[in-house]
Amino acid sequence: MSRGDRRDAFVDGAAGRLIRPYAVAGGRTAPGSDFHLVTHVVATGRPLDGLGPDHDDILTLCRRPISVAEVSALSGLPLAVTKILLSDLLGWRAIDTRAPVPVFDRARPSTDLLEKVLDALYKL
């Protein structure tokens, strides 16, 4: 059975997805790792056999760095389920994560600049 045939077996044109999210997640309700919406994930290229279609689809999306929120949106899975599947892939070392760098850690504005902005806002 090819990947496309396998995917078609889980989706009905009229009913939509035939497998419910709790079944996709194996009944689990919490991921084993903490993922934020903006955490970037990327596939490591490590070969894995016997993945389910959802794990396989996520790995395909992760060929380039992509945020957890984008994986959820593009895969059509609820965010909680996406985090659980990503946690599985992280445990199997099939993906790496990169936490985003907060804006203020890159370039914190000076106090002088912030005071000027505040003064300008008061003048409005």
PDB file of N, CA and C in Angstrom:
ATOM      1  N   MET A   1       0.858  -1.185   0.000  1.00  0.00           N
ATOM      2  CA  MET A   1       0.000   0.000   0.000  1.00  0.00           C
ATOM      3  C   MET A   1       0.893   1.234   0.000  1.00  0.00           C
ATOM      4  N   SER A   2       0.694   2.119  -0.936  1.00  0.00           N
ATOM      5  CA  SER A   2       1.513   3.332  -1.007  1.00  0.00           C
ATOM      6  C   SER A   2       1.040   4.341   0.037  1.00  0.00           C
ATOM      7  N   ARG A   3       1.868   5.349   0.247  1.00  0.00           N
ATOM      8  CA  ARG A   3       1.548   6.372   1.245  1.00  0.00           C
ATOM      9  C   ARG A   3       0.236   7.071   0.919  1.00  0.00           C
ATOM     10  N   GLY A   4       0.006   7.377  -0.354  1.00  0.00           N
ATOM     11  CA  GLY A   4      -1.233   8.039  -0.763  1.00  0.00           C
ATOM     12  C   GLY A   4      -2.456   7.179  -0.506  1.00  0.00           C
ATOM     13  N   ASP A   5      -2.340   5.860  -0.792  1.00  0.00           N
ATOM     14  CA  ASP A   5      -3.455   4.946  -0.537  1.00  0.00           C
ATOM     15  C   ASP A   5      -3.737   4.854   0.954  1.00  0.00           C
ATOM     16  N   ARG A   6      -2.668   4.829   1.736  1.00  0.00           N
ATOM     17  CA  ARG A   6      -2.812   4.739   3.188  1.00  0.00           C
ATOM     18  C   ARG A   6      -3.529   5.972   3.715  1.00  0.00           C
ATOM     19  N   ARG A   7      -3.172   7.172   3.216  1.00  0.00           N
ATOM     20  CA  ARG A   7      -3.787   8.425   3.643  1.00  0.00           C
ATOM     21  C   ARG A   7      -5.262   8.447   3.236  1.00  0.00           C
ATOM     22  N   ASP A   8      -5.584   7.989   2.022  1.00  0.00           N
ATOM     23  CA  ASP A   8      -6.957   7.987   1.550  1.00  0.00           C
ATOM     24  C   ASP A   8      -7.854   7.069   2.370  1.00  0.00           C
ATOM     25  N   ALA A   9      -7.296   6.030   2.960  1.00  0.00           N
ATOM     26  CA  ALA A   9      -8.075   5.104   3.771  1.00  0.00           C
ATOM     27  C   ALA A   9      -8.581   5.761   5.045  1.00  0.00           C
ATOM     28  N   PHE A  10      -7.958   6.863   5.475  1.00  0.00           N
ATOM     29  CA  PHE A  10      -8.339   7.526   6.714  1.00  0.00           C
ATOM     30  C   PHE A  10      -9.216   8.751   6.501  1.00  0.00           C
ATOM     31  N   VAL A  11      -9.509   9.092   5.263  1.00  0.00           N
ATOM     32  CA  VAL A  11     -10.284  10.292   4.973  1.00  0.00           C
ATOM     33  C   VAL A  11     -11.431   9.940   4.030  1.00  0.00           C
ATOM     34  N   ASP A  12     -12.616  10.412   4.379  1.00  0.00           N
ATOM     35  CA  ASP A  12     -13.793  10.229   3.540  1.00  0.00           C
ATOM     36  C   ASP A  12     -14.204  11.596   3.018  1.00  0.00           C
ATOM     37  N   GLY A  13     -14.522  11.689   1.738  1.00  0.00           N
ATOM     38  CA  GLY A  13     -14.866  12.969   1.129  1.00  0.00           C
ATOM     39  C   GLY A  13     -16.011  13.678   1.829  1.00  0.00           C
ATOM     40  N   ALA A  14     -17.056  12.948   2.205  1.00  0.00           N
ATOM     41  CA  ALA A  14     -18.223  13.566   2.824  1.00  0.00           C
ATOM     42  C   ALA A  14     -18.068  13.712   4.337  1.00  0.00           C
ATOM     43  N   ALA A  15     -17.519  12.697   4.988  1.00  0.00           N
ATOM     44  CA  ALA A  15     -17.438  12.700   6.452  1.00  0.00           C
ATOM     45  C   ALA A  15     -16.185  13.380   6.975  1.00  0.00           C
ATOM     46  N   GLY A  16     -15.156  13.480   6.146  1.00  0.00           N
ATOM     47  CA  GLY A  16     -13.895  14.064   6.603  1.00  0.00           C
ATOM     48  C   GLY A  16     -12.999  12.998   7.188  1.00  0.00           C
ATOM     49  N   ARG A  17     -12.245  13.376   8.165  1.00  0.00           N
ATOM     50  CA  ARG A  17     -11.290  12.464   8.801  1.00  0.00           C
ATOM     51  C   ARG A  17     -12.042  11.375   9.560  1.00  0.00           C
ATOM     52  N   LEU A  18     -11.686  10.117   9.311  1.00  0.00           N
ATOM     53  CA  LEU A  18     -12.389   8.999   9.924  1.00  0.00           C
ATOM     54  C   LEU A  18     -11.802   8.586  11.275  1.00  0.00           C
ATOM     55  N   ILE A  19     -10.584   8.981  11.546  1.00  0.00           N
ATOM     56  CA  ILE A  19      -9.956   8.644  12.812  1.00  0.00           C
ATOM     57  C   ILE A  19      -9.969   9.883  13.697  1.00  0.00           C
ATOM     58  N   ARG A  20     -10.514   9.746  14.877  1.00  0.00           N
ATOM     59  CA  ARG A  20     -10.648  10.872  15.792  1.00  0.00           C
ATOM     60  C   ARG A  20      -9.304  11.238  16.425  1.00  0.00           C
ATOM     61  N   PRO A  21      -9.153  12.498  16.828  1.00  0.00           N
ATOM     62  CA  PRO A  21      -7.876  12.951  17.383  1.00  0.00           C
ATOM     63  C   PRO A  21      -7.357  12.133  18.559  1.00  0.00           C
ATOM     64  N   TYR A  22      -8.250  11.695  19.464  1.00  0.00           N
ATOM     65  CA  TYR A  22      -7.765  10.921  20.608  1.00  0.00           C
ATOM     66  C   TYR A  22      -7.198   9.580  20.168  1.00  0.00           C
ATOM     67  N   ALA A  23      -7.681   9.048  19.053  1.00  0.00           N
ATOM     68  CA  ALA A  23      -7.131   7.794  18.531  1.00  0.00           C
ATOM     69  C   ALA A  23      -5.767   8.037  17.886  1.00  0.00           C
ATOM     70  N   VAL A  24      -5.628   9.156  17.208  1.00  0.00           N
ATOM     71  CA  VAL A  24      -4.341   9.509  16.598  1.00  0.00           C
ATOM     72  C   VAL A  24      -3.275   9.645  17.677  1.00  0.00           C
ATOM     73  N   ALA A  25      -3.648  10.205  18.818  1.00  0.00           N
ATOM     74  CA  ALA A  25      -2.709  10.426  19.917  1.00  0.00           C
ATOM     75  C   ALA A  25      -2.583   9.201  20.819  1.00  0.00           C
ATOM     76  N   GLY A  26      -3.233   8.114  20.461  1.00  0.00           N
ATOM     77  CA  GLY A  26      -3.143   6.903  21.280  1.00  0.00           C
ATOM     78  C   GLY A  26      -3.802   7.054  22.639  1.00  0.00           C
ATOM     79  N   GLY A  27      -4.789   7.920  22.735  1.00  0.00           N
ATOM     80  CA  GLY A  27      -5.493   8.147  23.991  1.00  0.00           C
ATOM     81  C   GLY A  27      -4.767   9.076  24.949  1.00  0.00           C
ATOM     82  N   ARG A  28      -3.580   9.536  24.580  1.00  0.00           N
ATOM     83  CA  ARG A  28      -2.817  10.434  25.458  1.00  0.00           C
ATOM     84  C   ARG A  28      -3.378  11.846  25.362  1.00  0.00           C
ATOM     85  N   THR A  29      -3.319  12.549  26.467  1.00  0.00           N
ATOM     86  CA  THR A  29      -3.854  13.908  26.485  1.00  0.00           C
ATOM     87  C   THR A  29      -2.795  14.965  26.726  1.00  0.00           C
ATOM     88  N   ALA A  30      -1.573  14.549  27.049  1.00  0.00           N
ATOM     89  CA  ALA A  30      -0.505  15.513  27.312  1.00  0.00           C
ATOM     90  C   ALA A  30       0.783  15.040  26.640  1.00  0.00           C
ATOM     91  N   PRO A  31       1.498  15.967  26.017  1.00  0.00           N
ATOM     92  CA  PRO A  31       2.762  15.583  25.382  1.00  0.00           C
ATOM     93  C   PRO A  31       3.836  15.299  26.434  1.00  0.00           C
ATOM     94  N   GLY A  32       4.823  14.512  26.042  1.00  0.00           N
ATOM     95  CA  GLY A  32       5.925  14.203  26.945  1.00  0.00           C
ATOM     96  C   GLY A  32       6.944  15.324  27.027  1.00  0.00           C
ATOM     97  N   SER A  33       6.878  16.278  26.105  1.00  0.00           N
ATOM     98  CA  SER A  33       7.793  17.424  26.075  1.00  0.00           C
ATOM     99  C   SER A  33       6.972  18.697  25.978  1.00  0.00           C
ATOM    100  N   ASP A  34       7.581  19.795  26.407  1.00  0.00           N
ATOM    101  CA  ASP A  34       6.891  21.081  26.378  1.00  0.00           C
ATOM    102  C   ASP A  34       7.190  21.790  25.056  1.00  0.00           C
ATOM    103  N   PHE A  35       6.158  22.066  24.288  1.00  0.00           N
ATOM    104  CA  PHE A  35       6.293  22.780  23.026  1.00  0.00           C
ATOM    105  C   PHE A  35       5.483  24.070  23.102  1.00  0.00           C
ATOM    106  N   HIS A  36       6.111  25.173  22.735  1.00  0.00           N
ATOM    107  CA  HIS A  36       5.400  26.441  22.622  1.00  0.00           C
ATOM    108  C   HIS A  36       4.949  26.600  21.176  1.00  0.00           C
ATOM    109  N   LEU A  37       3.995  27.458  20.945  1.00  0.00           N
ATOM    110  CA  LEU A  37       3.491  27.661  19.589  1.00  0.00           C
ATOM    111  C   LEU A  37       4.572  28.095  18.614  1.00  0.00           C
ATOM    112  N   VAL A  38       5.536  28.870  19.087  1.00  0.00           N
ATOM    113  CA  VAL A  38       6.555  29.422  18.201  1.00  0.00           C
ATOM    114  C   VAL A  38       7.858  28.622  18.205  1.00  0.00           C
ATOM    115  N   THR A  39       7.891  27.498  18.926  1.00  0.00           N
ATOM    116  CA  THR A  39       9.069  26.634  18.892  1.00  0.00           C
ATOM    117  C   THR A  39       9.232  26.099  17.476  1.00  0.00           C
ATOM    118  N   HIS A  40      10.450  26.153  16.963  1.00  0.00           N
ATOM    119  CA  HIS A  40      10.714  25.633  15.621  1.00  0.00           C
ATOM    120  C   HIS A  40      11.164  24.184  15.716  1.00  0.00           C
ATOM    121  N   VAL A  41      10.636  23.365  14.831  1.00  0.00           N
ATOM    122  CA  VAL A  41      11.025  21.959  14.756  1.00  0.00           C
ATOM    123  C   VAL A  41      11.561  21.690  13.355  1.00  0.00           C
ATOM    124  N   VAL A  42      12.534  20.778  13.277  1.00  0.00           N
ATOM    125  CA  VAL A  42      13.116  20.412  11.988  1.00  0.00           C
ATOM    126  C   VAL A  42      13.487  18.938  12.042  1.00  0.00           C
ATOM    127  N   ALA A  43      13.229  18.234  10.945  1.00  0.00           N
ATOM    128  CA  ALA A  43      13.543  16.807  10.866  1.00  0.00           C
ATOM    129  C   ALA A  43      15.049  16.608  10.864  1.00  0.00           C
ATOM    130  N   THR A  44      15.493  15.551  11.537  1.00  0.00           N
ATOM    131  CA  THR A  44      16.919  15.244  11.597  1.00  0.00           C
ATOM    132  C   THR A  44      17.376  14.409  10.420  1.00  0.00           C
ATOM    133  N   GLY A  45      16.442  13.815   9.706  1.00  0.00           N
ATOM    134  CA  GLY A  45      16.798  12.958   8.589  1.00  0.00           C
ATOM    135  C   GLY A  45      17.059  11.524   9.015  1.00  0.00           C
ATOM    136  N   ARG A  46      16.869  11.253  10.292  1.00  0.00           N
ATOM    137  CA  ARG A  46      17.066   9.896  10.801  1.00  0.00           C
ATOM    138  C   ARG A  46      15.959   8.994  10.245  1.00  0.00           C
ATOM    139  N   PRO A  47      16.304   7.883   9.602  1.00  0.00           N
ATOM    140  CA  PRO A  47      15.278   7.006   9.025  1.00  0.00           C
ATOM    141  C   PRO A  47      14.506   6.259  10.110  1.00  0.00           C
ATOM    142  N   LEU A  48      13.207   6.266   9.985  1.00  0.00           N
ATOM    143  CA  LEU A  48      12.335   5.546  10.910  1.00  0.00           C
ATOM    144  C   LEU A  48      11.353   4.720  10.088  1.00  0.00           C
ATOM    145  N   ASP A  49      11.176   3.485  10.472  1.00  0.00           N
ATOM    146  CA  ASP A  49      10.226   2.612   9.791  1.00  0.00           C
ATOM    147  C   ASP A  49       8.977   2.439  10.636  1.00  0.00           C
ATOM    148  N   GLY A  50       7.874   2.169   9.980  1.00  0.00           N
ATOM    149  CA  GLY A  50       6.643   1.853  10.684  1.00  0.00           C
ATOM    150  C   GLY A  50       5.924   3.031  11.297  1.00  0.00           C
ATOM    151  N   LEU A  51       6.187   4.238  10.808  1.00  0.00           N
ATOM    152  CA  LEU A  51       5.470   5.396  11.332  1.00  0.00           C
ATOM    153  C   LEU A  51       4.033   5.389  10.839  1.00  0.00           C
ATOM    154  N   GLY A  52       3.144   5.919  11.653  1.00  0.00           N
ATOM    155  CA  GLY A  52       1.774   6.106  11.213  1.00  0.00           C
ATOM    156  C   GLY A  52       1.710   7.249  10.216  1.00  0.00           C
ATOM    157  N   PRO A  53       0.609   7.385   9.510  1.00  0.00           N
ATOM    158  CA  PRO A  53       0.509   8.433   8.491  1.00  0.00           C
ATOM    159  C   PRO A  53       0.630   9.841   9.062  1.00  0.00           C
ATOM    160  N   ASP A  54       0.169  10.059  10.276  1.00  0.00           N
ATOM    161  CA  ASP A  54       0.250  11.399  10.856  1.00  0.00           C
ATOM    162  C   ASP A  54       1.680  11.756  11.243  1.00  0.00           C
ATOM    163  N   HIS A  55       2.400  10.820  11.843  1.00  0.00           N
ATOM    164  CA  HIS A  55       3.813  11.054  12.141  1.00  0.00           C
ATOM    165  C   HIS A  55       4.576  11.316  10.842  1.00  0.00           C
ATOM    166  N   ASP A  56       4.277  10.530   9.828  1.00  0.00           N
ATOM    167  CA  ASP A  56       4.943  10.664   8.535  1.00  0.00           C
ATOM    168  C   ASP A  56       4.664  12.030   7.907  1.00  0.00           C
ATOM    169  N   ASP A  57       3.414  12.480   7.979  1.00  0.00           N
ATOM    170  CA  ASP A  57       3.059  13.797   7.428  1.00  0.00           C
ATOM    171  C   ASP A  57       3.788  14.916   8.165  1.00  0.00           C
ATOM    172  N   ILE A  58       3.885  14.792   9.477  1.00  0.00           N
ATOM    173  CA  ILE A  58       4.578  15.821  10.265  1.00  0.00           C
ATOM    174  C   ILE A  58       6.054  15.857   9.899  1.00  0.00           C
ATOM    175  N   LEU A  59       6.670  14.699   9.753  1.00  0.00           N
ATOM    176  CA  LEU A  59       8.077  14.673   9.354  1.00  0.00           C
ATOM    177  C   LEU A  59       8.280  15.325   7.994  1.00  0.00           C
ATOM    178  N   THR A  60       7.352  15.115   7.089  1.00  0.00           N
ATOM    179  CA  THR A  60       7.434  15.750   5.772  1.00  0.00           C
ATOM    180  C   THR A  60       7.376  17.268   5.907  1.00  0.00           C
ATOM    181  N   LEU A  61       6.503  17.761   6.767  1.00  0.00           N
ATOM    182  CA  LEU A  61       6.401  19.208   6.982  1.00  0.00           C
ATOM    183  C   LEU A  61       7.672  19.771   7.621  1.00  0.00           C
ATOM    184  N   CYS A  62       8.355  18.946   8.406  1.00  0.00           N
ATOM    185  CA  CYS A  62       9.526  19.409   9.164  1.00  0.00           C
ATOM    186  C   CYS A  62      10.829  19.297   8.383  1.00  0.00           C
ATOM    187  N   ARG A  63      10.768  19.109   7.099  1.00  0.00           N
ATOM    188  CA  ARG A  63      11.999  19.061   6.305  1.00  0.00           C
ATOM    189  C   ARG A  63      12.741  20.389   6.379  1.00  0.00           C
ATOM    190  N   ARG A  64      11.997  21.455   6.573  1.00  0.00           N
ATOM    191  CA  ARG A  64      12.584  22.778   6.790  1.00  0.00           C
ATOM    192  C   ARG A  64      12.104  23.238   8.169  1.00  0.00           C
ATOM    193  N   PRO A  65      12.831  24.131   8.820  1.00  0.00           N
ATOM    194  CA  PRO A  65      12.364  24.597  10.133  1.00  0.00           C
ATOM    195  C   PRO A  65      10.960  25.202  10.035  1.00  0.00           C
ATOM    196  N   ILE A  66      10.111  24.795  10.936  1.00  0.00           N
ATOM    197  CA  ILE A  66       8.712  25.223  10.923  1.00  0.00           C
ATOM    198  C   ILE A  66       8.231  25.299  12.372  1.00  0.00           C
ATOM    199  N   SER A  67       7.340  26.234  12.655  1.00  0.00           N
ATOM    200  CA  SER A  67       6.846  26.384  14.027  1.00  0.00           C
ATOM    201  C   SER A  67       5.799  25.319  14.335  1.00  0.00           C
ATOM    202  N   VAL A  68       5.608  25.064  15.612  1.00  0.00           N
ATOM    203  CA  VAL A  68       4.610  24.099  16.066  1.00  0.00           C
ATOM    204  C   VAL A  68       3.221  24.518  15.588  1.00  0.00           C
ATOM    205  N   ALA A  69       2.934  25.808  15.636  1.00  0.00           N
ATOM    206  CA  ALA A  69       1.626  26.304  15.187  1.00  0.00           C
ATOM    207  C   ALA A  69       1.410  26.015  13.700  1.00  0.00           C
ATOM    208  N   GLU A  70       2.454  26.193  12.888  1.00  0.00           N
ATOM    209  CA  GLU A  70       2.334  25.914  11.459  1.00  0.00           C
ATOM    210  C   GLU A  70       2.141  24.420  11.197  1.00  0.00           C
ATOM    211  N   VAL A  71       2.838  23.591  11.948  1.00  0.00           N
ATOM    212  CA  VAL A  71       2.670  22.139  11.783  1.00  0.00           C
ATOM    213  C   VAL A  71       1.225  21.764  12.058  1.00  0.00           C
ATOM    214  N   SER A  72       0.662  22.302  13.117  1.00  0.00           N
ATOM    215  CA  SER A  72      -0.727  22.010  13.463  1.00  0.00           C
ATOM    216  C   SER A  72      -1.678  22.478  12.361  1.00  0.00           C
ATOM    217  N   ALA A  73      -1.468  23.689  11.888  1.00  0.00           N
ATOM    218  CA  ALA A  73      -2.362  24.242  10.861  1.00  0.00           C
ATOM    219  C   ALA A  73      -2.259  23.472   9.546  1.00  0.00           C
ATOM    220  N   LEU A  74      -1.047  23.179   9.122  1.00  0.00           N
ATOM    221  CA  LEU A  74      -0.855  22.514   7.835  1.00  0.00           C
ATOM    222  C   LEU A  74      -1.233  21.034   7.864  1.00  0.00           C
ATOM    223  N   SER A  75      -1.115  20.408   9.024  1.00  0.00           N
ATOM    224  CA  SER A  75      -1.464  18.990   9.120  1.00  0.00           C
ATOM    225  C   SER A  75      -2.963  18.786   9.323  1.00  0.00           C
ATOM    226  N   GLY A  76      -3.651  19.844   9.764  1.00  0.00           N
ATOM    227  CA  GLY A  76      -5.085  19.729  10.014  1.00  0.00           C
ATOM    228  C   GLY A  76      -5.406  19.038  11.329  1.00  0.00           C
ATOM    229  N   LEU A  77      -4.398  18.875  12.175  1.00  0.00           N
ATOM    230  CA  LEU A  77      -4.606  18.235  13.475  1.00  0.00           C
ATOM    231  C   LEU A  77      -4.760  19.294  14.561  1.00  0.00           C
ATOM    232  N   PRO A  78      -5.528  18.989  15.607  1.00  0.00           N
ATOM    233  CA  PRO A  78      -5.604  19.920  16.734  1.00  0.00           C
ATOM    234  C   PRO A  78      -4.220  20.127  17.349  1.00  0.00           C
ATOM    235  N   LEU A  79      -4.009  21.280  17.934  1.00  0.00           N
ATOM    236  CA  LEU A  79      -2.707  21.619  18.495  1.00  0.00           C
ATOM    237  C   LEU A  79      -2.256  20.605  19.542  1.00  0.00           C
ATOM    238  N   ALA A  80      -3.148  20.176  20.414  1.00  0.00           N
ATOM    239  CA  ALA A  80      -2.780  19.219  21.460  1.00  0.00           C
ATOM    240  C   ALA A  80      -2.284  17.905  20.863  1.00  0.00           C
ATOM    241  N   VAL A  81      -2.937  17.434  19.825  1.00  0.00           N
ATOM    242  CA  VAL A  81      -2.535  16.191  19.159  1.00  0.00           C
ATOM    243  C   VAL A  81      -1.196  16.395  18.461  1.00  0.00           C
ATOM    244  N   THR A  82      -1.030  17.544  17.821  1.00  0.00           N
ATOM    245  CA  THR A  82       0.234  17.846  17.145  1.00  0.00           C
ATOM    246  C   THR A  82       1.391  17.819  18.137  1.00  0.00           C
ATOM    247  N   LYS A  83       1.194  18.411  19.313  1.00  0.00           N
ATOM    248  CA  LYS A  83       2.246  18.425  20.326  1.00  0.00           C
ATOM    249  C   LYS A  83       2.580  17.006  20.794  1.00  0.00           C
ATOM    250  N   ILE A  84       1.596  16.150  20.916  1.00  0.00           N
ATOM    251  CA  ILE A  84       1.828  14.764  21.335  1.00  0.00           C
ATOM    252  C   ILE A  84       2.635  14.024  20.270  1.00  0.00           C
ATOM    253  N   LEU A  85       2.261  14.186  18.998  1.00  0.00           N
ATOM    254  CA  LEU A  85       2.991  13.521  17.923  1.00  0.00           C
ATOM    255  C   LEU A  85       4.412  14.068  17.791  1.00  0.00           C
ATOM    256  N   LEU A  86       4.575  15.378  17.969  1.00  0.00           N
ATOM    257  CA  LEU A  86       5.915  15.956  17.948  1.00  0.00           C
ATOM    258  C   LEU A  86       6.756  15.430  19.109  1.00  0.00           C
ATOM    259  N   SER A  87       6.124  15.237  20.246  1.00  0.00           N
ATOM    260  CA  SER A  87       6.823  14.683  21.402  1.00  0.00           C
ATOM    261  C   SER A  87       7.319  13.265  21.104  1.00  0.00           C
ATOM    262  N   ASP A  88       6.492  12.472  20.422  1.00  0.00           N
ATOM    263  CA  ASP A  88       6.918  11.138  19.995  1.00  0.00           C
ATOM    264  C   ASP A  88       8.145  11.229  19.100  1.00  0.00           C
ATOM    265  N   LEU A  89       8.072  12.098  18.104  1.00  0.00           N
ATOM    266  CA  LEU A  89       9.170  12.241  17.145  1.00  0.00           C
ATOM    267  C   LEU A  89      10.438  12.742  17.828  1.00  0.00           C
ATOM    268  N   LEU A  90      10.293  13.617  18.802  1.00  0.00           N
ATOM    269  CA  LEU A  90      11.455  14.105  19.549  1.00  0.00           C
ATOM    270  C   LEU A  90      12.084  12.963  20.350  1.00  0.00           C
ATOM    271  N   GLY A  91      11.254  12.141  20.953  1.00  0.00           N
ATOM    272  CA  GLY A  91      11.739  10.991  21.712  1.00  0.00           C
ATOM    273  C   GLY A  91      12.473   9.984  20.829  1.00  0.00           C
ATOM    274  N   TRP A  92      12.044   9.876  19.581  1.00  0.00           N
ATOM    275  CA  TRP A  92      12.689   8.960  18.627  1.00  0.00           C
ATOM    276  C   TRP A  92      13.875   9.627  17.928  1.00  0.00           C
ATOM    277  N   ARG A  93      14.169  10.878  18.319  1.00  0.00           N
ATOM    278  CA  ARG A  93      15.250  11.674  17.732  1.00  0.00           C
ATOM    279  C   ARG A  93      15.075  11.884  16.227  1.00  0.00           C
ATOM    280  N   ALA A  94      13.830  11.971  15.812  1.00  0.00           N
ATOM    281  CA  ALA A  94      13.534  12.219  14.406  1.00  0.00           C
ATOM    282  C   ALA A  94      13.431  13.711  14.116  1.00  0.00           C
ATOM    283  N   ILE A  95      13.288  14.536  15.171  1.00  0.00           N
ATOM    284  CA  ILE A  95      13.238  15.992  15.016  1.00  0.00           C
ATOM    285  C   ILE A  95      14.128  16.643  16.059  1.00  0.00           C
ATOM    286  N   ASP A  96      14.543  17.863  15.758  1.00  0.00           N
ATOM    287  CA  ASP A  96      15.224  18.730  16.712  1.00  0.00           C
ATOM    288  C   ASP A  96      14.337  19.941  16.939  1.00  0.00           C
ATOM    289  N   THR A  97      14.459  20.544  18.101  1.00  0.00           N
ATOM    290  CA  THR A  97      13.691  21.753  18.390  1.00  0.00           C
ATOM    291  C   THR A  97      14.639  22.916  18.592  1.00  0.00           C
ATOM    292  N   ARG A  98      14.136  24.080  18.250  1.00  0.00           N
ATOM    293  CA  ARG A  98      14.892  25.313  18.452  1.00  0.00           C
ATOM    294  C   ARG A  98      13.939  26.340  19.047  1.00  0.00           C
ATOM    295  N   ALA A  99      14.223  26.705  20.271  1.00  0.00           N
ATOM    296  CA  ALA A  99      13.387  27.710  20.922  1.00  0.00           C
ATOM    297  C   ALA A  99      13.649  29.058  20.262  1.00  0.00           C
ATOM    298  N   PRO A 100      12.617  29.843  20.052  1.00  0.00           N
ATOM    299  CA  PRO A 100      12.815  31.156  19.442  1.00  0.00           C
ATOM    300  C   PRO A 100      13.557  32.092  20.386  1.00  0.00           C
ATOM    301  N   VAL A 101      14.319  32.991  19.822  1.00  0.00           N
ATOM    302  CA  VAL A 101      15.043  33.981  20.618  1.00  0.00           C
ATOM    303  C   VAL A 101      14.094  35.147  20.886  1.00  0.00           C
ATOM    304  N   PRO A 102      13.838  35.440  22.160  1.00  0.00           N
ATOM    305  CA  PRO A 102      12.958  36.571  22.455  1.00  0.00           C
ATOM    306  C   PRO A 102      13.514  37.859  21.853  1.00  0.00           C
ATOM    307  N   VAL A 103      12.627  38.722  21.428  1.00  0.00           N
ATOM    308  CA  VAL A 103      13.018  39.966  20.769  1.00  0.00           C
ATOM    309  C   VAL A 103      13.935  40.787  21.652  1.00  0.00           C
ATOM    310  N   PHE A 104      13.629  40.898  22.932  1.00  0.00           N
ATOM    311  CA  PHE A 104      14.414  41.758  23.809  1.00  0.00           C
ATOM    312  C   PHE A 104      15.775  41.166  24.147  1.00  0.00           C
ATOM    313  N   ASP A 105      15.982  39.881  23.921  1.00  0.00           N
ATOM    314  CA  ASP A 105      17.308  39.307  24.127  1.00  0.00           C
ATOM    315  C   ASP A 105      18.243  39.671  22.974  1.00  0.00           C
ATOM    316  N   ARG A 106      17.670  39.990  21.815  1.00  0.00           N
ATOM    317  CA  ARG A 106      18.490  40.356  20.658  1.00  0.00           C
ATOM    318  C   ARG A 106      18.915  41.810  20.729  1.00  0.00           C
ATOM    319  N   ALA A 107      17.985  42.694  20.990  1.00  0.00           N
ATOM    320  CA  ALA A 107      18.293  44.127  21.016  1.00  0.00           C
ATOM    321  C   ALA A 107      17.316  44.825  21.950  1.00  0.00           C
ATOM    322  N   ARG A 108      17.717  45.001  23.166  1.00  0.00           N
ATOM    323  CA  ARG A 108      16.865  45.684  24.141  1.00  0.00           C
ATOM    324  C   ARG A 108      16.936  47.187  23.880  1.00  0.00           C
ATOM    325  N   PRO A 109      15.778  47.827  23.724  1.00  0.00           N
ATOM    326  CA  PRO A 109      15.799  49.268  23.488  1.00  0.00           C
ATOM    327  C   PRO A 109      16.324  50.012  24.716  1.00  0.00           C
ATOM    328  N   SER A 110      16.968  51.112  24.468  1.00  0.00           N
ATOM    329  CA  SER A 110      17.526  51.897  25.570  1.00  0.00           C
ATOM    330  C   SER A 110      16.403  52.580  26.349  1.00  0.00           C
ATOM    331  N   THR A 111      16.697  52.893  27.589  1.00  0.00           N
ATOM    332  CA  THR A 111      15.734  53.592  28.434  1.00  0.00           C
ATOM    333  C   THR A 111      15.408  54.958  27.845  1.00  0.00           C
ATOM    334  N   ASP A 112      16.410  55.609  27.262  1.00  0.00           N
ATOM    335  CA  ASP A 112      16.215  56.917  26.644  1.00  0.00           C
ATOM    336  C   ASP A 112      15.191  56.836  25.515  1.00  0.00           C
ATOM    337  N   LEU A 113      15.313  55.809  24.672  1.00  0.00           N
ATOM    338  CA  LEU A 113      14.370  55.640  23.561  1.00  0.00           C
ATOM    339  C   LEU A 113      12.961  55.381  24.078  1.00  0.00           C
ATOM    340  N   LEU A 114      12.835  54.544  25.078  1.00  0.00           N
ATOM    341  CA  LEU A 114      11.518  54.247  25.636  1.00  0.00           C
ATOM    342  C   LEU A 114      10.873  55.486  26.247  1.00  0.00           C
ATOM    343  N   GLU A 115      11.676  56.334  26.899  1.00  0.00           N
ATOM    344  CA  GLU A 115      11.142  57.577  27.471  1.00  0.00           C
ATOM    345  C   GLU A 115      10.671  58.527  26.376  1.00  0.00           C
ATOM    346  N   LYS A 116      11.401  58.594  25.260  1.00  0.00           N
ATOM    347  CA  LYS A 116      10.987  59.438  24.139  1.00  0.00           C
ATOM    348  C   LYS A 116       9.682  58.942  23.539  1.00  0.00           C
ATOM    349  N   VAL A 117       9.529  57.640  23.407  1.00  0.00           N
ATOM    350  CA  VAL A 117       8.275  57.069  22.886  1.00  0.00           C
ATOM    351  C   VAL A 117       7.122  57.385  23.831  1.00  0.00           C
ATOM    352  N   LEU A 118       7.355  57.236  25.117  1.00  0.00           N
ATOM    353  CA  LEU A 118       6.326  57.533  26.102  1.00  0.00           C
ATOM    354  C   LEU A 118       5.926  59.006  26.068  1.00  0.00           C
ATOM    355  N   ASP A 119       6.916  59.895  25.966  1.00  0.00           N
ATOM    356  CA  ASP A 119       6.622  61.336  25.863  1.00  0.00           C
ATOM    357  C   ASP A 119       5.800  61.634  24.613  1.00  0.00           C
ATOM    358  N   ALA A 120       6.146  60.994  23.490  1.00  0.00           N
ATOM    359  CA  ALA A 120       5.409  61.217  22.248  1.00  0.00           C
ATOM    360  C   ALA A 120       3.974  60.724  22.380  1.00  0.00           C
ATOM    361  N   LEU A 121       3.766  59.621  23.076  1.00  0.00           N
ATOM    362  CA  LEU A 121       2.428  59.103  23.270  1.00  0.00           C
ATOM    363  C   LEU A 121       1.600  60.044  24.152  1.00  0.00           C
ATOM    364  N   TYR A 122       2.220  60.627  25.157  1.00  0.00           N
ATOM    365  CA  TYR A 122       1.510  61.581  26.007  1.00  0.00           C
ATOM    366  C   TYR A 122       1.074  62.803  25.212  1.00  0.00           C
ATOM    367  N   LYS A 123       1.873  63.205  24.218  1.00  0.00           N
ATOM    368  CA  LYS A 123       1.550  64.383  23.435  1.00  0.00           C
ATOM    369  C   LYS A 123       0.383  64.153  22.480  1.00  0.00           C
ATOM    370  N   LEU A 124       0.068  62.894  22.234  1.00  0.00           N
ATOM    371  CA  LEU A 124      -1.074  62.612  21.346  1.00  0.00           C
ATOM    372  C   LEU A 124      -2.314  63.012  21.999  1.00  0.00           C
TER     373      LEU A 124
END
